[in-house]
Amino acid sequence: MCRFLFVFSPIVDSHWENKRYEELYVLQQEATDEAQRVKLLKEAETLLMDEMPAASTVWEFRTIVMWPLVRNWGHGPLAYVGQRFDEVWLAK
């Protein structure tokens, strides 16, 4: 999921980047203690609110493959982002 949240994401047009925010996000995902996770999220939220990056809205689109030779094509839970074209191939 992280690849959709940070500056290298295919859907982030703001080009906002904060290494500490990214670090905090990863740390909170790995935290097993709820109090520690809340602390990390509060710090990340404070950074986000202090810097207030501009962000565009995300619009939905779908690419539907109809050709039977296409393999490994699919959508994840966020169907409008993240298709991994490097994992798609032709059967012939």
C-alpha atoms as a PDB file:
ATOM      1  CA  MET A   1       0.000   0.000   0.000  1.00  0.00           C
ATOM      2  CA  CYS A   2       2.870   2.355   0.683  1.00  0.00           C
ATOM      3  CA  ARG A   3       3.630   2.719  -2.994  1.00  0.00           C
ATOM      4  CA  PHE A   4       0.389   4.721  -3.350  1.00  0.00           C
ATOM      5  CA  LEU A   5       1.063   7.081  -0.475  1.00  0.00           C
ATOM      6  CA  PHE A   6       4.430   8.601  -1.136  1.00  0.00           C
ATOM      7  CA  VAL A   7       5.996  10.854  -3.747  1.00  0.00           C
ATOM      8  CA  PHE A   8       6.836   7.991  -6.116  1.00  0.00           C
ATOM      9  CA  SER A   9       3.183   6.930  -6.234  1.00  0.00           C
ATOM     10  CA  PRO A  10       1.480   6.793  -9.639  1.00  0.00           C
ATOM     11  CA  ILE A  11      -1.424   8.829  -8.228  1.00  0.00           C
ATOM     12  CA  VAL A  12       0.326  11.523  -6.165  1.00  0.00           C
ATOM     13  CA  ASP A  13       0.444  14.722  -8.215  1.00  0.00           C
ATOM     14  CA  SER A  14       1.426  17.084  -5.409  1.00  0.00           C
ATOM     15  CA  HIS A  15       5.086  15.975  -5.442  1.00  0.00           C
ATOM     16  CA  TRP A  16       5.066  16.508  -1.679  1.00  0.00           C
ATOM     17  CA  GLU A  17       7.723  14.523   0.091  1.00  0.00           C
ATOM     18  CA  ASN A  18       8.665  14.238   3.727  1.00  0.00           C
ATOM     19  CA  LYS A  19      11.016  11.419   4.676  1.00  0.00           C
ATOM     20  CA  ARG A  20       9.996  11.602   8.350  1.00  0.00           C
ATOM     21  CA  TYR A  21       6.321  11.236   7.412  1.00  0.00           C
ATOM     22  CA  GLU A  22       7.127   8.183   5.284  1.00  0.00           C
ATOM     23  CA  GLU A  23       9.203   6.709   8.121  1.00  0.00           C
ATOM     24  CA  LEU A  24       6.394   7.292  10.619  1.00  0.00           C
ATOM     25  CA  TYR A  25       3.860   5.678   8.316  1.00  0.00           C
ATOM     26  CA  VAL A  26       5.956   2.527   7.945  1.00  0.00           C
ATOM     27  CA  LEU A  27       6.673   2.423  11.694  1.00  0.00           C
ATOM     28  CA  GLN A  28       2.985   2.690  12.608  1.00  0.00           C
ATOM     29  CA  GLN A  29       2.177  -0.185  10.239  1.00  0.00           C
ATOM     30  CA  GLU A  30       4.701  -2.355  12.058  1.00  0.00           C
ATOM     31  CA  ALA A  31       3.764  -1.258  15.575  1.00  0.00           C
ATOM     32  CA  THR A  32       2.148  -3.921  17.730  1.00  0.00           C
ATOM     33  CA  ASP A  33       1.467  -1.657  20.711  1.00  0.00           C
ATOM     34  CA  GLU A  34      -1.673   0.437  20.179  1.00  0.00           C
ATOM     35  CA  ALA A  35      -0.418   3.365  22.268  1.00  0.00           C
ATOM     36  CA  GLN A  36       2.846   3.496  20.280  1.00  0.00           C
ATOM     37  CA  ARG A  37       0.913   3.340  17.004  1.00  0.00           C
ATOM     38  CA  VAL A  38      -1.345   6.215  18.058  1.00  0.00           C
ATOM     39  CA  LYS A  39       1.718   8.258  19.057  1.00  0.00           C
ATOM     40  CA  LEU A  40       3.349   7.646  15.657  1.00  0.00           C
ATOM     41  CA  LEU A  41       0.143   8.518  13.797  1.00  0.00           C
ATOM     42  CA  LYS A  42      -0.286  11.739  15.761  1.00  0.00           C
ATOM     43  CA  GLU A  43       3.241  12.791  14.863  1.00  0.00           C
ATOM     44  CA  ALA A  44       2.626  11.946  11.195  1.00  0.00           C
ATOM     45  CA  GLU A  45      -0.659  13.854  11.253  1.00  0.00           C
ATOM     46  CA  THR A  46       1.052  16.893  12.770  1.00  0.00           C
ATOM     47  CA  LEU A  47       3.677  16.870   9.995  1.00  0.00           C
ATOM     48  CA  LEU A  48       0.979  16.579   7.369  1.00  0.00           C
ATOM     49  CA  MET A  49      -1.095  19.407   8.826  1.00  0.00           C
ATOM     50  CA  ASP A  50       1.947  21.664   9.335  1.00  0.00           C
ATOM     51  CA  GLU A  51       3.112  21.298   5.750  1.00  0.00           C
ATOM     52  CA  MET A  52      -0.400  21.006   4.247  1.00  0.00           C
ATOM     53  CA  PRO A  53       0.579  19.709   0.798  1.00  0.00           C
ATOM     54  CA  ALA A  54      -1.737  20.406  -2.097  1.00  0.00           C
ATOM     55  CA  ALA A  55      -3.175  17.264  -3.581  1.00  0.00           C
ATOM     56  CA  SER A  56      -5.392  16.559  -6.536  1.00  0.00           C
ATOM     57  CA  THR A  57      -8.389  14.341  -6.252  1.00  0.00           C
ATOM     58  CA  VAL A  58      -8.237  10.825  -7.613  1.00  0.00           C
ATOM     59  CA  TRP A  59     -10.588   9.798 -10.356  1.00  0.00           C
ATOM     60  CA  GLU A  60     -11.518   6.264 -11.247  1.00  0.00           C
ATOM     61  CA  PHE A  61     -10.768   4.577 -14.501  1.00  0.00           C
ATOM     62  CA  ARG A  62     -10.622   0.946 -15.526  1.00  0.00           C
ATOM     63  CA  THR A  63      -8.788  -0.798 -18.291  1.00  0.00           C
ATOM     64  CA  ILE A  64     -10.589  -3.939 -19.332  1.00  0.00           C
ATOM     65  CA  VAL A  65      -8.612  -6.565 -21.191  1.00  0.00           C
ATOM     66  CA  MET A  66     -10.631  -8.623 -23.646  1.00  0.00           C
ATOM     67  CA  TRP A  67      -7.831 -10.453 -25.463  1.00  0.00           C
ATOM     68  CA  PRO A  68      -7.541 -14.079 -24.247  1.00  0.00           C
ATOM     69  CA  LEU A  69      -3.730 -14.196 -24.671  1.00  0.00           C
ATOM     70  CA  VAL A  70      -3.160 -11.620 -21.929  1.00  0.00           C
ATOM     71  CA  ARG A  71      -2.032 -13.270 -18.682  1.00  0.00           C
ATOM     72  CA  ASN A  72      -1.788 -12.089 -15.067  1.00  0.00           C
ATOM     73  CA  TRP A  73      -4.026  -9.094 -15.622  1.00  0.00           C
ATOM     74  CA  GLY A  74      -6.128  -8.110 -12.654  1.00  0.00           C
ATOM     75  CA  HIS A  75      -7.138  -5.394 -10.283  1.00  0.00           C
ATOM     76  CA  GLY A  76      -6.435  -5.129  -6.614  1.00  0.00           C
ATOM     77  CA  PRO A  77      -8.797  -3.728  -3.994  1.00  0.00           C
ATOM     78  CA  LEU A  78      -8.109  -0.229  -5.361  1.00  0.00           C
ATOM     79  CA  ALA A  79      -9.125  -1.013  -8.920  1.00  0.00           C
ATOM     80  CA  TYR A  80      -8.385   2.490 -10.192  1.00  0.00           C
ATOM     81  CA  VAL A  81      -4.688   2.530  -9.231  1.00  0.00           C
ATOM     82  CA  GLY A  82      -1.710   0.285  -9.180  1.00  0.00           C
ATOM     83  CA  GLN A  83      -1.932  -2.061 -12.135  1.00  0.00           C
ATOM     84  CA  ARG A  84       1.505  -3.678 -12.334  1.00  0.00           C
ATOM     85  CA  PHE A  85       2.188  -3.795 -16.068  1.00  0.00           C
ATOM     86  CA  ASP A  86       5.594  -5.390 -15.435  1.00  0.00           C
ATOM     87  CA  GLU A  87       3.734  -8.495 -14.221  1.00  0.00           C
ATOM     88  CA  VAL A  88       1.486  -8.861 -17.295  1.00  0.00           C
ATOM     89  CA  TRP A  89       2.511 -10.996 -20.275  1.00  0.00           C
ATOM     90  CA  LEU A  90       1.176 -12.534 -23.472  1.00  0.00           C
ATOM     91  CA  ALA A  91       0.662 -16.293 -23.669  1.00  0.00           C
ATOM     92  CA  LYS A  92       2.118 -16.457 -27.158  1.00  0.00           C
END
